All heavy atoms as atom14 arrays in JSON, in Angstrom:
{
  "sequence": "AARQQQGLAPLPFGVALHLGDILWGNIGAADRLDFT",
  "atom14_mask": [
    [1, 1, 1, 1, 1, 0, 0, 0, 0, 0, 0, 0, 0, 0],
    [1, 1, 1, 1, 1, 0, 0, 0, 0, 0, 0, 0, 0, 0],
    [1, 1, 1, 1, 1, 1, 1, 1, 1, 1, 1, 0, 0, 0],
    [1, 1, 1, 1, 1, 1, 1, 1, 1, 0, 0, 0, 0, 0],
    [1, 1, 1, 1, 1, 1, 1, 1, 1, 0, 0, 0, 0, 0],
    [1, 1, 1, 1, 1, 1, 1, 1, 1, 0, 0, 0, 0, 0],
    [1, 1, 1, 1, 0, 0, 0, 0, 0, 0, 0, 0, 0, 0],
    [1, 1, 1, 1, 1, 1, 1, 1, 0, 0, 0, 0, 0, 0],
    [1, 1, 1, 1, 1, 0, 0, 0, 0, 0, 0, 0, 0, 0],
    [1, 1, 1, 1, 1, 1, 1, 0, 0, 0, 0, 0, 0, 0],
    [1, 1, 1, 1, 1, 1, 1, 1, 0, 0, 0, 0, 0, 0],
    [1, 1, 1, 1, 1, 1, 1, 0, 0, 0, 0, 0, 0, 0],
    [1, 1, 1, 1, 1, 1, 1, 1, 1, 1, 1, 0, 0, 0],
    [1, 1, 1, 1, 0, 0, 0, 0, 0, 0, 0, 0, 0, 0],
    [1, 1, 1, 1, 1, 1, 1, 0, 0, 0, 0, 0, 0, 0],
    [1, 1, 1, 1, 1, 0, 0, 0, 0, 0, 0, 0, 0, 0],
    [1, 1, 1, 1, 1, 1, 1, 1, 0, 0, 0, 0, 0, 0],
    [1, 1, 1, 1, 1, 1, 1, 1, 1, 1, 0, 0, 0, 0],
    [1, 1, 1, 1, 1, 1, 1, 1, 0, 0, 0, 0, 0, 0],
    [1, 1, 1, 1, 0, 0, 0, 0, 0, 0, 0, 0, 0, 0],
    [1, 1, 1, 1, 1, 1, 1, 1, 0, 0, 0, 0, 0, 0],
    [1, 1, 1, 1, 1, 1, 1, 1, 0, 0, 0, 0, 0, 0],
    [1, 1, 1, 1, 1, 1, 1, 1, 0, 0, 0, 0, 0, 0],
    [1, 1, 1, 1, 1, 1, 1, 1, 1, 1, 1, 1, 1, 1],
    [1, 1, 1, 1, 0, 0, 0, 0, 0, 0, 0, 0, 0, 0],
    [1, 1, 1, 1, 1, 1, 1, 1, 0, 0, 0, 0, 0, 0],
    [1, 1, 1, 1, 1, 1, 1, 1, 0, 0, 0, 0, 0, 0],
    [1, 1, 1, 1, 0, 0, 0, 0, 0, 0, 0, 0, 0, 0],
    [1, 1, 1, 1, 1, 0, 0, 0, 0, 0, 0, 0, 0, 0],
    [1, 1, 1, 1, 1, 0, 0, 0, 0, 0, 0, 0, 0, 0],
    [1, 1, 1, 1, 1, 1, 1, 1, 0, 0, 0, 0, 0, 0],
    [1, 1, 1, 1, 1, 1, 1, 1, 1, 1, 1, 0, 0, 0],
    [1, 1, 1, 1, 1, 1, 1, 1, 0, 0, 0, 0, 0, 0],
    [1, 1, 1, 1, 1, 1, 1, 1, 0, 0, 0, 0, 0, 0],
    [1, 1, 1, 1, 1, 1, 1, 1, 1, 1, 1, 0, 0, 0],
    [1, 1, 1, 1, 1, 1, 1, 0, 0, 0, 0, 0, 0, 0]
  ],
  "atom14_positions": [
    [[1.05, -17.62, 12.3], [0.97, -18.71, 13.3], [-0.29, -18.61, 14.08], [-0.98, -19.64, 14.33], [2.19, -18.65, 14.24], [0.0, 0.0, 0.0], [0.0, 0.0, 0.0], [0.0, 0.0, 0.0], [0.0, 0.0, 0.0], [0.0, 0.0, 0.0], [0.0, 0.0, 0.0], [0.0, 0.0, 0.0], [0.0, 0.0, 0.0], [0.0, 0.0, 0.0]],
    [[-0.69, -17.41, 14.47], [-1.95, -17.22, 15.2], [-3.15, -17.53, 14.33], [-4.11, -18.16, 14.78], [-2.03, -15.78, 15.71], [0.0, 0.0, 0.0], [0.0, 0.0, 0.0], [0.0, 0.0, 0.0], [0.0, 0.0, 0.0], [0.0, 0.0, 0.0], [0.0, 0.0, 0.0], [0.0, 0.0, 0.0], [0.0, 0.0, 0.0], [0.0, 0.0, 0.0]],
    [[-3.08, -17.14, 13.06], [-4.23, -17.49, 12.15], [-4.34, -18.91, 11.94], [-5.45, -19.44, 11.9], [-3.99, -16.75, 10.79], [-4.23, -15.27, 10.87], [-3.96, -14.59, 9.55], [-4.8, -15.08, 8.42], [-6.03, -14.7, 8.16], [-6.55, -13.7, 8.84], [-6.7, -15.22, 7.12], [0.0, 0.0, 0.0], [0.0, 0.0, 0.0], [0.0, 0.0, 0.0]],
    [[-3.26, -19.66, 11.78], [-3.34, -21.06, 11.6], [-3.89, -21.8, 12.81], [-4.68, -22.75, 12.68], [-1.96, -21.6, 11.27], [-1.5, -21.23, 9.83], [-0.06, -21.66, 9.56], [0.77, -21.74, 10.41], [0.22, -21.91, 8.26], [0.0, 0.0, 0.0], [0.0, 0.0, 0.0], [0.0, 0.0, 0.0], [0.0, 0.0, 0.0], [0.0, 0.0, 0.0]],
    [[-3.62, -21.26, 13.99], [-4.22, -21.9, 15.24], [-5.73, -21.68, 15.22], [-6.42, -22.49, 15.87], [-3.55, -21.24, 16.45], [-2.14, -21.68, 16.69], [-1.55, -21.01, 17.94], [-2.22, -20.12, 18.55], [-0.35, -21.46, 18.35], [0.0, 0.0, 0.0], [0.0, 0.0, 0.0], [0.0, 0.0, 0.0], [0.0, 0.0, 0.0], [0.0, 0.0, 0.0]],
    [[-6.2, -20.64, 14.54], [-7.64, -20.37, 14.48], [-8.29, -21.04, 13.26], [-9.47, -20.81, 12.98], [-7.86, -18.89, 14.38], [-7.37, -18.11, 15.6], [-7.33, -16.62, 15.43], [-8.02, -16.08, 14.44], [-6.56, -15.86, 16.15], [0.0, 0.0, 0.0], [0.0, 0.0, 0.0], [0.0, 0.0, 0.0], [0.0, 0.0, 0.0], [0.0, 0.0, 0.0]],
    [[-7.49, -21.81, 12.54], [-7.99, -22.46, 11.3], [-8.06, -21.56, 10.11], [-8.84, -21.82, 9.15], [0.0, 0.0, 0.0], [0.0, 0.0, 0.0], [0.0, 0.0, 0.0], [0.0, 0.0, 0.0], [0.0, 0.0, 0.0], [0.0, 0.0, 0.0], [0.0, 0.0, 0.0], [0.0, 0.0, 0.0], [0.0, 0.0, 0.0], [0.0, 0.0, 0.0]],
    [[-7.36, -20.45, 10.15], [-7.37, -19.46, 9.08], [-6.15, -19.61, 8.14], [-5.08, -20.0, 8.66], [-7.5, -18.06, 9.58], [-8.74, -17.7, 10.43], [-8.57, -16.33, 11.02], [-9.99, -17.8, 9.64], [0.0, 0.0, 0.0], [0.0, 0.0, 0.0], [0.0, 0.0, 0.0], [0.0, 0.0, 0.0], [0.0, 0.0, 0.0], [0.0, 0.0, 0.0]],
    [[-6.27, -19.23, 6.93], [-5.14, -19.3, 6.02], [-4.17, -18.23, 6.32], [-4.46, -17.17, 6.78], [-5.63, -19.17, 4.59], [0.0, 0.0, 0.0], [0.0, 0.0, 0.0], [0.0, 0.0, 0.0], [0.0, 0.0, 0.0], [0.0, 0.0, 0.0], [0.0, 0.0, 0.0], [0.0, 0.0, 0.0], [0.0, 0.0, 0.0], [0.0, 0.0, 0.0]],
    [[-2.81, -18.52, 6.07], [-1.81, -17.46, 6.25], [-2.02, -16.37, 5.2], [-2.81, -16.51, 4.25], [-0.49, -18.22, 6.01], [-0.88, -19.41, 5.14], [-2.25, -19.78, 5.62], [0.0, 0.0, 0.0], [0.0, 0.0, 0.0], [0.0, 0.0, 0.0], [0.0, 0.0, 0.0], [0.0, 0.0, 0.0], [0.0, 0.0, 0.0], [0.0, 0.0, 0.0]],
    [[-1.29, -15.28, 5.4], [-1.45, -14.1, 4.52], [-0.05, -13.89, 3.79], [0.75, -13.08, 4.25], [-1.79, -12.85, 5.32], [-3.15, -12.92, 6.01], [-3.35, -11.7, 6.88], [-4.31, -13.03, 5.0], [0.0, 0.0, 0.0], [0.0, 0.0, 0.0], [0.0, 0.0, 0.0], [0.0, 0.0, 0.0], [0.0, 0.0, 0.0], [0.0, 0.0, 0.0]],
    [[0.14, -14.55, 2.7], [1.43, -14.33, 1.93], [1.47, -12.97, 1.34], [0.41, -12.36, 1.03], [1.38, -15.38, 0.89], [-0.05, -15.72, 0.67], [-0.68, -15.51, 2.01], [0.0, 0.0, 0.0], [0.0, 0.0, 0.0], [0.0, 0.0, 0.0], [0.0, 0.0, 0.0], [0.0, 0.0, 0.0], [0.0, 0.0, 0.0], [0.0, 0.0, 0.0]],
    [[2.66, -12.4, 1.2], [2.76, -11.0, 0.67], [4.09, -10.89, -0.02], [4.97, -11.71, 0.05], [2.63, -10.02, 1.82], [3.8, -10.12, 2.83], [4.92, -9.33, 2.78], [3.71, -11.05, 3.88], [5.94, -9.4, 3.67], [4.73, -11.17, 4.85], [5.84, -10.34, 4.73], [0.0, 0.0, 0.0], [0.0, 0.0, 0.0], [0.0, 0.0, 0.0]],
    [[4.21, -9.81, -0.78], [5.47, -9.45, -1.45], [5.83, -8.02, -1.11], [4.94, -7.15, -0.93], [0.0, 0.0, 0.0], [0.0, 0.0, 0.0], [0.0, 0.0, 0.0], [0.0, 0.0, 0.0], [0.0, 0.0, 0.0], [0.0, 0.0, 0.0], [0.0, 0.0, 0.0], [0.0, 0.0, 0.0], [0.0, 0.0, 0.0], [0.0, 0.0, 0.0]],
    [[7.12, -7.79, -1.07], [7.64, -6.38, -0.77], [8.77, -6.11, -1.75], [9.59, -6.95, -2.0], [8.17, -6.34, 0.67], [8.69, -4.85, 0.95], [7.14, -6.7, 1.68], [0.0, 0.0, 0.0], [0.0, 0.0, 0.0], [0.0, 0.0, 0.0], [0.0, 0.0, 0.0], [0.0, 0.0, 0.0], [0.0, 0.0, 0.0], [0.0, 0.0, 0.0]],
    [[8.79, -4.9, -2.29], [9.9, -4.43, -3.16], [10.44, -3.1, -2.6], [9.7, -2.26, -2.05], [9.4, -4.21, -4.53], [0.0, 0.0, 0.0], [0.0, 0.0, 0.0], [0.0, 0.0, 0.0], [0.0, 0.0, 0.0], [0.0, 0.0, 0.0], [0.0, 0.0, 0.0], [0.0, 0.0, 0.0], [0.0, 0.0, 0.0], [0.0, 0.0, 0.0]],
    [[11.73, -2.98, -2.77], [12.46, -1.79, -2.32], [13.19, -1.16, -3.51], [13.8, -1.9, -4.33], [13.44, -2.06, -1.18], [12.91, -2.64, 0.1], [14.06, -2.89, 1.07], [11.86, -1.7, 0.72], [0.0, 0.0, 0.0], [0.0, 0.0, 0.0], [0.0, 0.0, 0.0], [0.0, 0.0, 0.0], [0.0, 0.0, 0.0], [0.0, 0.0, 0.0]],
    [[13.16, 0.16, -3.58], [13.84, 0.86, -4.69], [14.29, 2.23, -4.17], [13.76, 2.71, -3.14], [12.97, 1.04, -5.92], [13.61, 1.73, -7.06], [14.86, 1.39, -7.57], [13.18, 2.79, -7.8], [15.14, 2.17, -8.56], [14.15, 3.07, -8.74], [0.0, 0.0, 0.0], [0.0, 0.0, 0.0], [0.0, 0.0, 0.0], [0.0, 0.0, 0.0]],
    [[15.29, 2.8, -4.76], [15.77, 4.12, -4.36], [15.59, 5.07, -5.54], [16.08, 4.75, -6.67], [17.26, 4.05, -3.96], [17.96, 5.33, -3.66], [17.41, 5.94, -2.35], [19.49, 5.08, -3.5], [0.0, 0.0, 0.0], [0.0, 0.0, 0.0], [0.0, 0.0, 0.0], [0.0, 0.0, 0.0], [0.0, 0.0, 0.0], [0.0, 0.0, 0.0]],
    [[14.98, 6.23, -5.32], [14.83, 7.17, -6.45], [14.01, 8.34, -6.01], [13.71, 8.61, -4.84], [0.0, 0.0, 0.0], [0.0, 0.0, 0.0], [0.0, 0.0, 0.0], [0.0, 0.0, 0.0], [0.0, 0.0, 0.0], [0.0, 0.0, 0.0], [0.0, 0.0, 0.0], [0.0, 0.0, 0.0], [0.0, 0.0, 0.0], [0.0, 0.0, 0.0]],
    [[13.61, 9.19, -6.99], [12.85, 10.39, -6.76], [11.36, 10.15, -7.04], [11.0, 9.49, -8.0], [13.33, 11.5, -7.69], [14.76, 11.98, -7.33], [15.16, 11.75, -6.13], [15.41, 12.53, -8.2], [0.0, 0.0, 0.0], [0.0, 0.0, 0.0], [0.0, 0.0, 0.0], [0.0, 0.0, 0.0], [0.0, 0.0, 0.0], [0.0, 0.0, 0.0]],
    [[10.51, 10.73, -6.2], [9.1, 10.71, -6.42], [8.58, 12.13, -6.42], [9.13, 13.0, -5.75], [8.31, 9.83, -5.45], [8.33, 10.53, -4.03], [8.84, 8.45, -5.38], [7.38, 9.91, -3.07], [0.0, 0.0, 0.0], [0.0, 0.0, 0.0], [0.0, 0.0, 0.0], [0.0, 0.0, 0.0], [0.0, 0.0, 0.0], [0.0, 0.0, 0.0]],
    [[7.51, 12.37, -7.16], [6.79, 13.63, -7.11], [5.56, 13.39, -6.24], [4.74, 12.58, -6.56], [6.38, 14.12, -8.45], [5.58, 15.46, -8.47], [6.42, 16.6, -7.91], [5.14, 15.76, -9.85], [0.0, 0.0, 0.0], [0.0, 0.0, 0.0], [0.0, 0.0, 0.0], [0.0, 0.0, 0.0], [0.0, 0.0, 0.0], [0.0, 0.0, 0.0]],
    [[5.48, 14.14, -5.12], [4.4, 13.95, -4.15], [3.62, 15.22, -4.12], [4.12, 16.32, -3.7], [4.92, 13.56, -2.78], [3.96, 13.41, -1.71], [3.85, 14.16, -0.52], [2.93, 12.44, -1.61], [2.85, 13.67, 0.22], [2.23, 12.6, -0.4], [2.55, 11.37, -2.44], [1.21, 11.81, 0.05], [1.52, 10.53, -2.06], [0.86, 10.77, -0.8]],
    [[2.35, 15.21, -4.59], [1.61, 16.44, -4.64], [0.13, 16.26, -4.91], [-0.37, 15.2, -4.96], [0.0, 0.0, 0.0], [0.0, 0.0, 0.0], [0.0, 0.0, 0.0], [0.0, 0.0, 0.0], [0.0, 0.0, 0.0], [0.0, 0.0, 0.0], [0.0, 0.0, 0.0], [0.0, 0.0, 0.0], [0.0, 0.0, 0.0], [0.0, 0.0, 0.0]],
    [[-0.52, 17.44, -5.07], [-1.99, 17.46, -5.3], [-2.29, 17.13, -6.71], [-1.82, 17.84, -7.61], [-2.53, 18.89, -4.97], [-2.64, 19.12, -3.47], [-3.08, 18.21, -2.76], [-2.27, 20.3, -2.99], [0.0, 0.0, 0.0], [0.0, 0.0, 0.0], [0.0, 0.0, 0.0], [0.0, 0.0, 0.0], [0.0, 0.0, 0.0], [0.0, 0.0, 0.0]],
    [[-3.16, 16.15, -6.84], [-3.63, 15.73, -8.19], [-5.1, 15.37, -8.1], [-5.55, 14.85, -7.07], [-2.85, 14.52, -8.71], [-1.36, 14.88, -8.94], [-3.43, 13.99, -9.99], [-0.51, 13.69, -9.34], [0.0, 0.0, 0.0], [0.0, 0.0, 0.0], [0.0, 0.0, 0.0], [0.0, 0.0, 0.0], [0.0, 0.0, 0.0], [0.0, 0.0, 0.0]],
    [[-5.92, 15.76, -9.07], [-7.28, 15.44, -9.04], [-8.14, 16.4, -9.79], [-7.65, 17.09, -10.66], [0.0, 0.0, 0.0], [0.0, 0.0, 0.0], [0.0, 0.0, 0.0], [0.0, 0.0, 0.0], [0.0, 0.0, 0.0], [0.0, 0.0, 0.0], [0.0, 0.0, 0.0], [0.0, 0.0, 0.0], [0.0, 0.0, 0.0], [0.0, 0.0, 0.0]],
    [[-9.43, 16.39, -9.49], [-10.36, 17.34, -10.08], [-10.22, 18.7, -9.5], [-9.59, 18.81, -8.4], [-11.8, 16.79, -9.99], [0.0, 0.0, 0.0], [0.0, 0.0, 0.0], [0.0, 0.0, 0.0], [0.0, 0.0, 0.0], [0.0, 0.0, 0.0], [0.0, 0.0, 0.0], [0.0, 0.0, 0.0], [0.0, 0.0, 0.0], [0.0, 0.0, 0.0]],
    [[-10.86, 19.66, -10.08], [-10.72, 21.03, -9.58], [-11.16, 21.15, -8.13], [-10.64, 21.94, -7.37], [-11.51, 21.96, -10.47], [0.0, 0.0, 0.0], [0.0, 0.0, 0.0], [0.0, 0.0, 0.0], [0.0, 0.0, 0.0], [0.0, 0.0, 0.0], [0.0, 0.0, 0.0], [0.0, 0.0, 0.0], [0.0, 0.0, 0.0], [0.0, 0.0, 0.0]],
    [[-12.23, 20.42, -7.76], [-12.83, 20.55, -6.39], [-12.68, 19.28, -5.55], [-13.27, 19.12, -4.52], [-14.27, 20.95, -6.48], [-15.1, 19.95, -7.28], [-14.52, 19.03, -7.86], [-16.34, 20.09, -7.27], [0.0, 0.0, 0.0], [0.0, 0.0, 0.0], [0.0, 0.0, 0.0], [0.0, 0.0, 0.0], [0.0, 0.0, 0.0], [0.0, 0.0, 0.0]],
    [[-11.89, 18.29, -5.99], [-11.65, 17.06, -5.23], [-10.24, 16.63, -5.42], [-9.91, 16.07, -6.54], [-12.66, 15.99, -5.63], [-12.41, 14.64, -4.99], [-12.5, 14.72, -3.43], [-12.37, 13.38, -2.85], [-11.14, 12.8, -2.49], [-10.07, 13.49, -2.67], [-11.16, 11.64, -1.97], [0.0, 0.0, 0.0], [0.0, 0.0, 0.0], [0.0, 0.0, 0.0]],
    [[-9.34, 16.84, -4.53], [-7.93, 16.57, -4.7], [-7.49, 15.36, -3.83], [-8.15, 15.03, -2.84], [-7.12, 17.81, -4.28], [-7.39, 19.08, -5.09], [-6.57, 20.24, -4.46], [-7.08, 18.88, -6.56], [0.0, 0.0, 0.0], [0.0, 0.0, 0.0], [0.0, 0.0, 0.0], [0.0, 0.0, 0.0], [0.0, 0.0, 0.0], [0.0, 0.0, 0.0]],
    [[-6.35, 14.8, -4.22], [-5.75, 13.74, -3.42], [-4.27, 13.91, -3.55], [-3.72, 14.4, -4.52], [-6.17, 12.37, -3.95], [-5.75, 11.24, -2.98], [-5.43, 11.53, -1.84], [-5.76, 10.09, -3.42], [0.0, 0.0, 0.0], [0.0, 0.0, 0.0], [0.0, 0.0, 0.0], [0.0, 0.0, 0.0], [0.0, 0.0, 0.0], [0.0, 0.0, 0.0]],
    [[-3.54, 13.55, -2.46], [-2.08, 13.57, -2.54], [-1.68, 12.24, -3.17], [-2.08, 11.13, -2.73], [-1.47, 13.66, -1.12], [-1.43, 15.07, -0.73], [-2.4, 15.63, 0.14], [-0.39, 15.93, -1.06], [-2.38, 16.92, 0.52], [-0.32, 17.26, -0.58], [-1.39, 17.8, 0.16], [0.0, 0.0, 0.0], [0.0, 0.0, 0.0], [0.0, 0.0, 0.0]],
    [[-0.89, 12.31, -4.21], [-0.48, 11.13, -4.99], [0.99, 11.12, -5.3], [1.56, 12.22, -5.48], [-1.27, 11.1, -6.31], [-2.69, 11.08, -6.07], [-0.91, 9.84, -7.11], [0.0, 0.0, 0.0], [0.0, 0.0, 0.0], [0.0, 0.0, 0.0], [0.0, 0.0, 0.0], [0.0, 0.0, 0.0], [0.0, 0.0, 0.0], [0.0, 0.0, 0.0]]
  ]
}
């Protein structure tokens, strides 16, 4: 609503929900890691 008052387009989005197990850990190169 605020964006439209400024003449800007709205921001449509999608959301999904699921229940399950994830593996959360260090993955990457030997000297550059990320949590994934």
